[in-house]
Amino acid sequence: LITRDNAKNTVYLQMNSLKPEDTAVYYCYGDFPPYEYWGQG
């Protein structure tokens, strides 16, 4: 489940029933016109 808190400019990813195939580096991406940004993972 992805949610966001507009006041905090924060996005969350609630991950339930995790499986081994969910193993990965997870990256946040933001579309802030006119630019795009990535988190460090």
PDB file of all heavy atoms in Angstrom:
ATOM      1  N   LEU A   1       0.850  -1.191   0.000  1.00  0.00           N
ATOM      2  CA  LEU A   1       0.000   0.000   0.000  1.00  0.00           C
ATOM      3  C   LEU A   1       0.883   1.238   0.000  1.00  0.00           C
ATOM      4  O   LEU A   1       1.727   1.405   0.888  1.00  0.00           O
ATOM      5  CB  LEU A   1      -0.904   0.012   1.231  1.00  0.00           C
ATOM      6  CG  LEU A   1      -1.808   1.240   1.380  1.00  0.00           C
ATOM      7  CD1 LEU A   1      -2.871   1.232   0.279  1.00  0.00           C
ATOM      8  CD2 LEU A   1      -2.466   1.259   2.749  1.00  0.00           C
ATOM      9  N   ILE A   2       0.688   2.099  -0.995  1.00  0.00           N
ATOM     10  CA  ILE A   2       1.430   3.358  -1.056  1.00  0.00           C
ATOM     11  C   ILE A   2       0.525   4.488  -0.587  1.00  0.00           C
ATOM     12  O   ILE A   2      -0.642   4.574  -0.978  1.00  0.00           O
ATOM     13  CB  ILE A   2       1.976   3.620  -2.482  1.00  0.00           C
ATOM     14  CG1 ILE A   2       2.900   4.849  -2.492  1.00  0.00           C
ATOM     15  CG2 ILE A   2       0.856   3.768  -3.504  1.00  0.00           C
ATOM     16  CD1 ILE A   2       3.669   5.019  -3.810  1.00  0.00           C
ATOM     17  N   THR A   3       1.062   5.319   0.296  1.00  0.00           N
ATOM     18  CA  THR A   3       0.323   6.473   0.793  1.00  0.00           C
ATOM     19  C   THR A   3       1.255   7.678   0.825  1.00  0.00           C
ATOM     20  O   THR A   3       2.468   7.529   0.683  1.00  0.00           O
ATOM     21  CB  THR A   3      -0.225   6.235   2.210  1.00  0.00           C
ATOM     22  OG1 THR A   3       0.864   5.900   3.085  1.00  0.00           O
ATOM     23  CG2 THR A   3      -1.241   5.104   2.231  1.00  0.00           C
ATOM     24  N   ARG A   4       0.674   8.862   0.985  1.00  0.00           N
ATOM     25  CA  ARG A   4       1.529  10.050   1.077  1.00  0.00           C
ATOM     26  C   ARG A   4       0.976  11.007   2.120  1.00  0.00           C
ATOM     27  O   ARG A   4      -0.221  11.016   2.417  1.00  0.00           O
ATOM     28  CB  ARG A   4       1.657  10.762  -0.278  1.00  0.00           C
ATOM     29  CG  ARG A   4       0.520  11.745  -0.604  1.00  0.00           C
ATOM     30  CD  ARG A   4      -0.566  11.095  -1.381  1.00  0.00           C
ATOM     31  NE  ARG A   4      -1.568  12.041  -1.820  1.00  0.00           N
ATOM     32  CZ  ARG A   4      -2.736  12.226  -1.205  1.00  0.00           C
ATOM     33  NH1 ARG A   4      -3.018  11.566  -0.097  1.00  0.00           N
ATOM     34  NH2 ARG A   4      -3.619  13.087  -1.705  1.00  0.00           N
ATOM     35  N   ASP A   5       1.882  11.786   2.681  1.00  0.00           N
ATOM     36  CA  ASP A   5       1.534  12.837   3.634  1.00  0.00           C
ATOM     37  C   ASP A   5       1.937  14.145   2.974  1.00  0.00           C
ATOM     38  O   ASP A   5       3.128  14.475   2.917  1.00  0.00           O
ATOM     39  CB  ASP A   5       2.271  12.617   4.950  1.00  0.00           C
ATOM     40  CG  ASP A   5       1.877  13.632   6.017  1.00  0.00           C
ATOM     41  OD1 ASP A   5       1.560  14.793   5.654  1.00  0.00           O
ATOM     42  OD2 ASP A   5       1.908  13.296   7.191  1.00  0.00           O
ATOM     43  N   ASN A   6       0.964  14.850   2.450  1.00  0.00           N
ATOM     44  CA  ASN A   6       1.261  16.067   1.699  1.00  0.00           C
ATOM     45  C   ASN A   6       1.987  17.104   2.553  1.00  0.00           C
ATOM     46  O   ASN A   6       2.899  17.786   2.084  1.00  0.00           O
ATOM     47  CB  ASN A   6      -0.037  16.682   1.166  1.00  0.00           C
ATOM     48  CG  ASN A   6      -0.659  15.842   0.090  1.00  0.00           C
ATOM     49  OD1 ASN A   6      -0.315  14.669  -0.086  1.00  0.00           O
ATOM     50  ND2 ASN A   6      -1.582  16.411  -0.658  1.00  0.00           N
ATOM     51  N   ALA A   7       1.586  17.223   3.801  1.00  0.00           N
ATOM     52  CA  ALA A   7       2.168  18.248   4.671  1.00  0.00           C
ATOM     53  C   ALA A   7       3.639  17.980   4.936  1.00  0.00           C
ATOM     54  O   ALA A   7       4.427  18.912   5.125  1.00  0.00           O
ATOM     55  CB  ALA A   7       1.400  18.316   5.974  1.00  0.00           C
ATOM     56  N   LYS A   8       4.015  16.701   4.953  1.00  0.00           N
ATOM     57  CA  LYS A   8       5.401  16.324   5.243  1.00  0.00           C
ATOM     58  C   LYS A   8       6.195  16.009   3.986  1.00  0.00           C
ATOM     59  O   LYS A   8       7.375  15.657   4.075  1.00  0.00           O
ATOM     60  CB  LYS A   8       5.429  15.107   6.171  1.00  0.00           C
ATOM     61  CG  LYS A   8       4.843  15.362   7.546  1.00  0.00           C
ATOM     62  CD  LYS A   8       4.934  14.109   8.409  1.00  0.00           C
ATOM     63  CE  LYS A   8       4.379  14.356   9.795  1.00  0.00           C
ATOM     64  NZ  LYS A   8       4.458  13.134  10.644  1.00  0.00           N
ATOM     65  N   ASN A   9       5.571  16.116   2.820  1.00  0.00           N
ATOM     66  CA  ASN A   9       6.238  15.758   1.554  1.00  0.00           C
ATOM     67  C   ASN A   9       6.879  14.383   1.657  1.00  0.00           C
ATOM     68  O   ASN A   9       8.030  14.168   1.271  1.00  0.00           O
ATOM     69  CB  ASN A   9       7.292  16.799   1.165  1.00  0.00           C
ATOM     70  CG  ASN A   9       6.669  18.121   0.779  1.00  0.00           C
ATOM     71  OD1 ASN A   9       5.544  18.169   0.280  1.00  0.00           O
ATOM     72  ND2 ASN A   9       7.365  19.204   1.003  1.00  0.00           N
ATOM     73  N   THR A  10       6.122  13.450   2.188  1.00  0.00           N
ATOM     74  CA  THR A  10       6.625  12.106   2.453  1.00  0.00           C
ATOM     75  C   THR A  10       5.704  11.070   1.841  1.00  0.00           C
ATOM     76  O   THR A  10       4.481  11.223   1.876  1.00  0.00           O
ATOM     77  CB  THR A  10       6.748  11.870   3.968  1.00  0.00           C
ATOM     78  OG1 THR A  10       7.686  12.804   4.508  1.00  0.00           O
ATOM     79  CG2 THR A  10       7.231  10.465   4.263  1.00  0.00           C
ATOM     80  N   VAL A  11       6.300  10.034   1.297  1.00  0.00           N
ATOM     81  CA  VAL A  11       5.543   8.911   0.763  1.00  0.00           C
ATOM     82  C   VAL A  11       5.962   7.654   1.512  1.00  0.00           C
ATOM     83  O   VAL A  11       7.117   7.523   1.929  1.00  0.00           O
ATOM     84  CB  VAL A  11       5.760   8.769  -0.764  1.00  0.00           C
ATOM     85  CG1 VAL A  11       7.204   8.406  -1.087  1.00  0.00           C
ATOM     86  CG2 VAL A  11       4.803   7.750  -1.356  1.00  0.00           C
ATOM     87  N   TYR A  12       5.015   6.767   1.709  1.00  0.00           N
ATOM     88  CA  TYR A  12       5.241   5.541   2.463  1.00  0.00           C
ATOM     89  C   TYR A  12       4.894   4.332   1.588  1.00  0.00           C
ATOM     90  O   TYR A  12       4.052   4.413   0.692  1.00  0.00           O
ATOM     91  CB  TYR A  12       4.357   5.503   3.712  1.00  0.00           C
ATOM     92  CG  TYR A  12       4.526   6.712   4.613  1.00  0.00           C
ATOM     93  CD1 TYR A  12       3.676   7.801   4.501  1.00  0.00           C
ATOM     94  CD2 TYR A  12       5.552   6.757   5.553  1.00  0.00           C
ATOM     95  CE1 TYR A  12       3.828   8.918   5.311  1.00  0.00           C
ATOM     96  CE2 TYR A  12       5.709   7.867   6.364  1.00  0.00           C
ATOM     97  CZ  TYR A  12       4.844   8.939   6.246  1.00  0.00           C
ATOM     98  OH  TYR A  12       5.000  10.042   7.042  1.00  0.00           O
ATOM     99  N   LEU A  13       5.523   3.220   1.883  1.00  0.00           N
ATOM    100  CA  LEU A  13       5.174   1.951   1.246  1.00  0.00           C
ATOM    101  C   LEU A  13       5.035   0.909   2.350  1.00  0.00           C
ATOM    102  O   LEU A  13       6.030   0.483   2.931  1.00  0.00           O
ATOM    103  CB  LEU A  13       6.231   1.525   0.226  1.00  0.00           C
ATOM    104  CG  LEU A  13       5.866   0.292  -0.587  1.00  0.00           C
ATOM    105  CD1 LEU A  13       4.687   0.607  -1.529  1.00  0.00           C
ATOM    106  CD2 LEU A  13       7.059  -0.212  -1.397  1.00  0.00           C
ATOM    107  N   GLN A  14       3.796   0.548   2.632  1.00  0.00           N
ATOM    108  CA  GLN A  14       3.524  -0.511   3.594  1.00  0.00           C
ATOM    109  C   GLN A  14       3.553  -1.839   2.846  1.00  0.00           C
ATOM    110  O   GLN A  14       2.781  -2.027   1.892  1.00  0.00           O
ATOM    111  CB  GLN A  14       2.159  -0.310   4.250  1.00  0.00           C
ATOM    112  CG  GLN A  14       1.773  -1.397   5.235  1.00  0.00           C
ATOM    113  CD  GLN A  14       2.668  -1.449   6.455  1.00  0.00           C
ATOM    114  OE1 GLN A  14       3.008  -0.420   7.028  1.00  0.00           O
ATOM    115  NE2 GLN A  14       3.057  -2.653   6.854  1.00  0.00           N
ATOM    116  N   MET A  15       4.454  -2.715   3.258  1.00  0.00           N
ATOM    117  CA  MET A  15       4.637  -3.990   2.565  1.00  0.00           C
ATOM    118  C   MET A  15       4.252  -5.113   3.512  1.00  0.00           C
ATOM    119  O   MET A  15       4.878  -5.283   4.562  1.00  0.00           O
ATOM    120  CB  MET A  15       6.094  -4.138   2.118  1.00  0.00           C
ATOM    121  CG  MET A  15       6.574  -2.988   1.254  1.00  0.00           C
ATOM    122  SD  MET A  15       8.240  -3.238   0.605  1.00  0.00           S
ATOM    123  CE  MET A  15       9.189  -3.217   2.115  1.00  0.00           C
ATOM    124  N   ASN A  16       3.220  -5.851   3.146  1.00  0.00           N
ATOM    125  CA  ASN A  16       2.729  -6.969   3.962  1.00  0.00           C
ATOM    126  C   ASN A  16       2.901  -8.279   3.197  1.00  0.00           C
ATOM    127  O   ASN A  16       3.088  -8.284   1.976  1.00  0.00           O
ATOM    128  CB  ASN A  16       1.256  -6.755   4.300  1.00  0.00           C
ATOM    129  CG  ASN A  16       1.012  -5.477   5.085  1.00  0.00           C
ATOM    130  OD1 ASN A  16       1.810  -5.105   5.951  1.00  0.00           O
ATOM    131  ND2 ASN A  16      -0.091  -4.799   4.794  1.00  0.00           N
ATOM    132  N   SER A  17       2.793  -9.367   3.932  1.00  0.00           N
ATOM    133  CA  SER A  17       2.898 -10.707   3.331  1.00  0.00           C
ATOM    134  C   SER A  17       4.116 -10.800   2.417  1.00  0.00           C
ATOM    135  O   SER A  17       4.029 -11.269   1.278  1.00  0.00           O
ATOM    136  CB  SER A  17       1.618 -11.027   2.542  1.00  0.00           C
ATOM    137  OG  SER A  17       0.481 -10.954   3.365  1.00  0.00           O
ATOM    138  N   LEU A  18       5.241 -10.360   2.928  1.00  0.00           N
ATOM    139  CA  LEU A  18       6.456 -10.307   2.109  1.00  0.00           C
ATOM    140  C   LEU A  18       6.922 -11.695   1.706  1.00  0.00           C
ATOM    141  O   LEU A  18       6.787 -12.665   2.478  1.00  0.00           O
ATOM    142  CB  LEU A  18       7.551  -9.560   2.847  1.00  0.00           C
ATOM    143  CG  LEU A  18       7.381  -8.035   2.817  1.00  0.00           C
ATOM    144  CD1 LEU A  18       8.187  -7.379   3.933  1.00  0.00           C
ATOM    145  CD2 LEU A  18       7.785  -7.477   1.467  1.00  0.00           C
ATOM    146  N   LYS A  19       7.461 -11.763   0.492  1.00  0.00           N
ATOM    147  CA  LYS A  19       7.944 -13.009  -0.077  1.00  0.00           C
ATOM    148  C   LYS A  19       9.438 -12.866  -0.374  1.00  0.00           C
ATOM    149  O   LYS A  19       9.933 -11.753  -0.587  1.00  0.00           O
ATOM    150  CB  LYS A  19       7.205 -13.306  -1.385  1.00  0.00           C
ATOM    151  CG  LYS A  19       5.695 -13.353  -1.247  1.00  0.00           C
ATOM    152  CD  LYS A  19       5.048 -13.532  -2.614  1.00  0.00           C
ATOM    153  CE  LYS A  19       3.534 -13.562  -2.516  1.00  0.00           C
ATOM    154  NZ  LYS A  19       2.898 -13.743  -3.851  1.00  0.00           N
ATOM    155  N   PRO A  20      10.147 -13.985  -0.461  1.00  0.00           N
ATOM    156  CA  PRO A  20      11.572 -13.891  -0.815  1.00  0.00           C
ATOM    157  C   PRO A  20      11.813 -13.142  -2.127  1.00  0.00           C
ATOM    158  O   PRO A  20      12.819 -12.438  -2.256  1.00  0.00           O
ATOM    159  CB  PRO A  20      11.993 -15.359  -0.914  1.00  0.00           C
ATOM    160  CG  PRO A  20      11.077 -16.065   0.034  1.00  0.00           C
ATOM    161  CD  PRO A  20       9.761 -15.352  -0.099  1.00  0.00           C
ATOM    162  N   GLU A  21      10.888 -13.262  -3.060  1.00  0.00           N
ATOM    163  CA  GLU A  21      11.055 -12.574  -4.344  1.00  0.00           C
ATOM    164  C   GLU A  21      10.861 -11.058  -4.247  1.00  0.00           C
ATOM    165  O   GLU A  21      11.083 -10.341  -5.217  1.00  0.00           O
ATOM    166  CB  GLU A  21      10.110 -13.143  -5.413  1.00  0.00           C
ATOM    167  CG  GLU A  21       8.666 -13.234  -5.001  1.00  0.00           C
ATOM    168  CD  GLU A  21       8.304 -14.631  -4.490  1.00  0.00           C
ATOM    169  OE1 GLU A  21       9.096 -15.211  -3.713  1.00  0.00           O
ATOM    170  OE2 GLU A  21       7.197 -15.113  -4.844  1.00  0.00           O
ATOM    171  N   ASP A  22      10.466 -10.569  -3.087  1.00  0.00           N
ATOM    172  CA  ASP A  22      10.403  -9.115  -2.866  1.00  0.00           C
ATOM    173  C   ASP A  22      11.766  -8.547  -2.479  1.00  0.00           C
ATOM    174  O   ASP A  22      11.916  -7.319  -2.373  1.00  0.00           O
ATOM    175  CB  ASP A  22       9.394  -8.777  -1.766  1.00  0.00           C
ATOM    176  CG  ASP A  22       7.966  -9.123  -2.137  1.00  0.00           C
ATOM    177  OD1 ASP A  22       7.572  -8.833  -3.297  1.00  0.00           O
ATOM    178  OD2 ASP A  22       7.249  -9.670  -1.292  1.00  0.00           O
ATOM    179  N   THR A  23      12.734  -9.421  -2.272  1.00  0.00           N
ATOM    180  CA  THR A  23      14.075  -8.970  -1.916  1.00  0.00           C
ATOM    181  C   THR A  23      14.674  -8.112  -3.026  1.00  0.00           C
ATOM    182  O   THR A  23      14.714  -8.529  -4.187  1.00  0.00           O
ATOM    183  CB  THR A  23      14.995 -10.168  -1.643  1.00  0.00           C
ATOM    184  OG1 THR A  23      14.509 -10.877  -0.493  1.00  0.00           O
ATOM    185  CG2 THR A  23      16.424  -9.721  -1.396  1.00  0.00           C
ATOM    186  N   ALA A  24      15.095  -6.900  -2.666  1.00  0.00           N
ATOM    187  CA  ALA A  24      15.622  -5.956  -3.647  1.00  0.00           C
ATOM    188  C   ALA A  24      16.061  -4.688  -2.927  1.00  0.00           C
ATOM    189  O   ALA A  24      15.782  -4.514  -1.734  1.00  0.00           O
ATOM    190  CB  ALA A  24      14.554  -5.604  -4.691  1.00  0.00           C
ATOM    191  N   VAL A  25      16.731  -3.831  -3.672  1.00  0.00           N
ATOM    192  CA  VAL A  25      16.940  -2.463  -3.210  1.00  0.00           C
ATOM    193  C   VAL A  25      15.735  -1.649  -3.679  1.00  0.00           C
ATOM    194  O   VAL A  25      15.391  -1.672  -4.865  1.00  0.00           O
ATOM    195  CB  VAL A  25      18.239  -1.863  -3.752  1.00  0.00           C
ATOM    196  CG1 VAL A  25      18.385  -0.412  -3.287  1.00  0.00           C
ATOM    197  CG2 VAL A  25      19.441  -2.690  -3.303  1.00  0.00           C
ATOM    198  N   TYR A  26      15.115  -0.968  -2.767  1.00  0.00           N
ATOM    199  CA  TYR A  26      13.925  -0.169  -3.070  1.00  0.00           C
ATOM    200  C   TYR A  26      14.325   1.295  -3.168  1.00  0.00           C
ATOM    201  O   TYR A  26      14.991   1.829  -2.270  1.00  0.00           O
ATOM    202  CB  TYR A  26      12.861  -0.374  -1.998  1.00  0.00           C
ATOM    203  CG  TYR A  26      12.141  -1.691  -2.138  1.00  0.00           C
ATOM    204  CD1 TYR A  26      12.793  -2.894  -1.867  1.00  0.00           C
ATOM    205  CD2 TYR A  26      10.823  -1.750  -2.573  1.00  0.00           C
ATOM    206  CE1 TYR A  26      12.154  -4.113  -2.022  1.00  0.00           C
ATOM    207  CE2 TYR A  26      10.163  -2.962  -2.721  1.00  0.00           C
ATOM    208  CZ  TYR A  26      10.841  -4.137  -2.451  1.00  0.00           C
ATOM    209  OH  TYR A  26      10.194  -5.335  -2.616  1.00  0.00           O
ATOM    210  N   TYR A  27      13.899   1.921  -4.272  1.00  0.00           N
ATOM    211  CA  TYR A  27      14.251   3.304  -4.535  1.00  0.00           C
ATOM    212  C   TYR A  27      12.999   4.176  -4.576  1.00  0.00           C
ATOM    213  O   TYR A  27      11.983   3.811  -5.175  1.00  0.00           O
ATOM    214  CB  TYR A  27      14.954   3.433  -5.890  1.00  0.00           C
ATOM    215  CG  TYR A  27      16.287   2.729  -5.977  1.00  0.00           C
ATOM    216  CD1 TYR A  27      16.376   1.420  -6.434  1.00  0.00           C
ATOM    217  CD2 TYR A  27      17.457   3.391  -5.615  1.00  0.00           C
ATOM    218  CE1 TYR A  27      17.593   0.769  -6.522  1.00  0.00           C
ATOM    219  CE2 TYR A  27      18.689   2.751  -5.703  1.00  0.00           C
ATOM    220  CZ  TYR A  27      18.738   1.445  -6.151  1.00  0.00           C
ATOM    221  OH  TYR A  27      19.949   0.812  -6.245  1.00  0.00           O
ATOM    222  N   CYS A  28      13.130   5.339  -4.001  1.00  0.00           N
ATOM    223  CA  CYS A  28      12.080   6.341  -4.083  1.00  0.00           C
ATOM    224  C   CYS A  28      12.382   7.249  -5.275  1.00  0.00           C
ATOM    225  O   CYS A  28      13.546   7.564  -5.546  1.00  0.00           O
ATOM    226  CB  CYS A  28      12.085   7.149  -2.793  1.00  0.00           C
ATOM    227  SG  CYS A  28      10.896   8.496  -2.729  1.00  0.00           S
ATOM    228  N   TYR A  29      11.351   7.636  -5.975  1.00  0.00           N
ATOM    229  CA  TYR A  29      11.465   8.528  -7.138  1.00  0.00           C
ATOM    230  C   TYR A  29      10.449   9.642  -6.986  1.00  0.00           C
ATOM    231  O   TYR A  29       9.304   9.397  -6.582  1.00  0.00           O
ATOM    232  CB  TYR A  29      11.189   7.735  -8.418  1.00  0.00           C
ATOM    233  CG  TYR A  29      10.861   8.592  -9.613  1.00  0.00           C
ATOM    234  CD1 TYR A  29      11.858   9.038 -10.465  1.00  0.00           C
ATOM    235  CD2 TYR A  29       9.541   8.935  -9.892  1.00  0.00           C
ATOM    236  CE1 TYR A  29      11.547   9.830 -11.566  1.00  0.00           C
ATOM    237  CE2 TYR A  29       9.228   9.721 -10.977  1.00  0.00           C
ATOM    238  CZ  TYR A  29      10.226  10.164 -11.807  1.00  0.00           C
ATOM    239  OH  TYR A  29       9.920  10.948 -12.885  1.00  0.00           O
ATOM    240  N   GLY A  30      10.871  10.863  -7.302  1.00  0.00           N
ATOM    241  CA  GLY A  30       9.964  11.988  -7.202  1.00  0.00           C
ATOM    242  C   GLY A  30       9.898  12.793  -8.481  1.00  0.00           C
ATOM    243  O   GLY A  30      10.941  13.105  -9.079  1.00  0.00           O
ATOM    244  N   ASP A  31       8.701  13.111  -8.890  1.00  0.00           N
ATOM    245  CA  ASP A  31       8.454  13.958 -10.070  1.00  0.00           C
ATOM    246  C   ASP A  31       8.126  15.348  -9.566  1.00  0.00           C
ATOM    247  O   ASP A  31       6.991  15.620  -9.136  1.00  0.00           O
ATOM    248  CB  ASP A  31       7.300  13.384 -10.891  1.00  0.00           C
ATOM    249  CG  ASP A  31       6.986  14.247 -12.108  1.00  0.00           C
ATOM    250  OD1 ASP A  31       7.761  15.183 -12.411  1.00  0.00           O
ATOM    251  OD2 ASP A  31       5.950  13.986 -12.758  1.00  0.00           O
ATOM    252  N   PHE A  32       9.155  16.213  -9.565  1.00  0.00           N
ATOM    253  CA  PHE A  32       9.015  17.587  -9.079  1.00  0.00           C
ATOM    254  C   PHE A  32       9.328  18.508 -10.255  1.00  0.00           C
ATOM    255  O   PHE A  32      10.466  18.909 -10.446  1.00  0.00           O
ATOM    256  CB  PHE A  32       9.991  17.862  -7.942  1.00  0.00           C
ATOM    257  CG  PHE A  32       9.894  16.903  -6.785  1.00  0.00           C
ATOM    258  CD1 PHE A  32      10.783  15.853  -6.678  1.00  0.00           C
ATOM    259  CD2 PHE A  32       8.930  17.051  -5.821  1.00  0.00           C
ATOM    260  CE1 PHE A  32      10.706  14.962  -5.617  1.00  0.00           C
ATOM    261  CE2 PHE A  32       8.851  16.168  -4.754  1.00  0.00           C
ATOM    262  CZ  PHE A  32       9.745  15.122  -4.658  1.00  0.00           C
ATOM    263  N   PRO A  33       8.322  18.826 -11.041  1.00  0.00           N
ATOM    264  CA  PRO A  33       8.575  19.585 -12.256  1.00  0.00           C
ATOM    265  C   PRO A  33       9.405  20.842 -12.028  1.00  0.00           C
ATOM    266  O   PRO A  33       9.179  21.559 -11.044  1.00  0.00           O
ATOM    267  CB  PRO A  33       7.164  19.949 -12.741  1.00  0.00           C
ATOM    268  CG  PRO A  33       6.281  18.909 -12.139  1.00  0.00           C
ATOM    269  CD  PRO A  33       6.917  18.586 -10.810  1.00  0.00           C
ATOM    270  N   PRO A  34      10.378  21.132 -12.867  1.00  0.00           N
ATOM    271  CA  PRO A  34      10.685  20.407 -14.101  1.00  0.00           C
ATOM    272  C   PRO A  34      11.715  19.296 -13.939  1.00  0.00           C
ATOM    273  O   PRO A  34      12.312  18.861 -14.927  1.00  0.00           O
ATOM    274  CB  PRO A  34      11.246  21.527 -14.991  1.00  0.00           C
ATOM    275  CG  PRO A  34      11.989  22.392 -14.030  1.00  0.00           C
ATOM    276  CD  PRO A  34      11.193  22.378 -12.750  1.00  0.00           C
ATOM    277  N   TYR A  35      11.944  18.862 -12.702  1.00  0.00           N
ATOM    278  CA  TYR A  35      13.007  17.884 -12.476  1.00  0.00           C
ATOM    279  C   TYR A  35      12.460  16.583 -11.902  1.00  0.00           C
ATOM    280  O   TYR A  35      11.326  16.515 -11.419  1.00  0.00           O
ATOM    281  CB  TYR A  35      14.054  18.465 -11.507  1.00  0.00           C
ATOM    282  CG  TYR A  35      14.661  19.757 -11.986  1.00  0.00           C
ATOM    283  CD1 TYR A  35      14.351  20.970 -11.382  1.00  0.00           C
ATOM    284  CD2 TYR A  35      15.536  19.770 -13.066  1.00  0.00           C
ATOM    285  CE1 TYR A  35      14.893  22.154 -11.825  1.00  0.00           C
ATOM    286  CE2 TYR A  35      16.087  20.956 -13.522  1.00  0.00           C
ATOM    287  CZ  TYR A  35      15.764  22.137 -12.898  1.00  0.00           C
ATOM    288  OH  TYR A  35      16.305  23.310 -13.348  1.00  0.00           O
ATOM    289  N   GLU A  36      13.320  15.563 -11.966  1.00  0.00           N
ATOM    290  CA  GLU A  36      13.029  14.264 -11.378  1.00  0.00           C
ATOM    291  C   GLU A  36      14.201  13.884 -10.475  1.00  0.00           C
ATOM    292  O   GLU A  36      15.357  14.175 -10.802  1.00  0.00           O
ATOM    293  CB  GLU A  36      12.846  13.200 -12.472  1.00  0.00           C
ATOM    294  CG  GLU A  36      11.744  13.532 -13.446  1.00  0.00           C
ATOM    295  CD  GLU A  36      11.696  12.556 -14.616  1.00  0.00           C
ATOM    296  OE1 GLU A  36      12.695  11.832 -14.819  1.00  0.00           O
ATOM    297  OE2 GLU A  36      10.677  12.534 -15.318  1.00  0.00           O
ATOM    298  N   TYR A  37      13.889  13.225  -9.371  1.00  0.00           N
ATOM    299  CA  TYR A  37      14.925  12.883  -8.409  1.00  0.00           C
ATOM    300  C   TYR A  37      14.767  11.443  -7.951  1.00  0.00           C
ATOM    301  O   TYR A  37      13.655  10.893  -7.935  1.00  0.00           O
ATOM    302  CB  TYR A  37      14.840  13.811  -7.183  1.00  0.00           C
ATOM    303  CG  TYR A  37      15.106  15.256  -7.507  1.00  0.00           C
ATOM    304  CD1 TYR A  37      14.062  16.127  -7.808  1.00  0.00           C
ATOM    305  CD2 TYR A  37      16.410  15.755  -7.515  1.00  0.00           C
ATOM    306  CE1 TYR A  37      14.298  17.453  -8.108  1.00  0.00           C
ATOM    307  CE2 TYR A  37      16.652  17.081  -7.811  1.00  0.00           C
ATOM    308  CZ  TYR A  37      15.592  17.928  -8.114  1.00  0.00           C
ATOM    309  OH  TYR A  37      15.839  19.243  -8.422  1.00  0.00           O
ATOM    310  N   TRP A  38      15.891  10.867  -7.543  1.00  0.00           N
ATOM    311  CA  TRP A  38      15.928   9.510  -7.001  1.00  0.00           C
ATOM    312  C   TRP A  38      16.540   9.549  -5.609  1.00  0.00           C
ATOM    313  O   TRP A  38      17.453  10.323  -5.340  1.00  0.00           O
ATOM    314  CB  TRP A  38      16.777   8.604  -7.886  1.00  0.00           C
ATOM    315  CG  TRP A  38      16.157   8.281  -9.200  1.00  0.00           C
ATOM    316  CD1 TRP A  38      16.292   8.976 -10.367  1.00  0.00           C
ATOM    317  CD2 TRP A  38      15.299   7.168  -9.499  1.00  0.00           C
ATOM    318  NE1 TRP A  38      15.573   8.375 -11.363  1.00  0.00           N
ATOM    319  CE2 TRP A  38      14.963   7.261 -10.863  1.00  0.00           C
ATOM    320  CE3 TRP A  38      14.796   6.108  -8.748  1.00  0.00           C
ATOM    321  CZ2 TRP A  38      14.126   6.328 -11.497  1.00  0.00           C
ATOM    322  CZ3 TRP A  38      13.977   5.189  -9.374  1.00  0.00           C
ATOM    323  CH2 TRP A  38      13.644   5.301 -10.725  1.00  0.00           C
ATOM    324  N   GLY A  39      16.045   8.652  -4.733  1.00  0.00           N
ATOM    325  CA  GLY A  39      16.683   8.440  -3.464  1.00  0.00           C
ATOM    326  C   GLY A  39      17.872   7.508  -3.619  1.00  0.00           C
ATOM    327  O   GLY A  39      18.139   6.982  -4.701  1.00  0.00           O
ATOM    328  N   GLN A  40      18.552   7.268  -2.506  1.00  0.00           N
ATOM    329  CA  GLN A  40      19.779   6.459  -2.539  1.00  0.00           C
ATOM    330  C   GLN A  40      19.489   4.972  -2.486  1.00  0.00           C
ATOM    331  O   GLN A  40      20.376   4.168  -2.755  1.00  0.00           O
ATOM    332  CB  GLN A  40      20.694   6.856  -1.365  1.00  0.00           C
ATOM    333  CG  GLN A  40      20.313   6.259  -0.013  1.00  0.00           C
ATOM    334  CD  GLN A  40      19.111   6.913   0.632  1.00  0.00           C
ATOM    335  OE1 GLN A  40      18.538   7.880   0.124  1.00  0.00           O
ATOM    336  NE2 GLN A  40      18.732   6.393   1.800  1.00  0.00           N
ATOM    337  N   GLY A  41      18.263   4.602  -2.144  1.00  0.00           N
ATOM    338  CA  GLY A  41      17.896   3.196  -2.075  1.00  0.00           C
ATOM    339  C   GLY A  41      17.990   2.641  -0.670  1.00  0.00           C
ATOM    340  O   GLY A  41      18.822   3.074   0.131  1.00  0.00           O
TER     341      GLY A  41
END
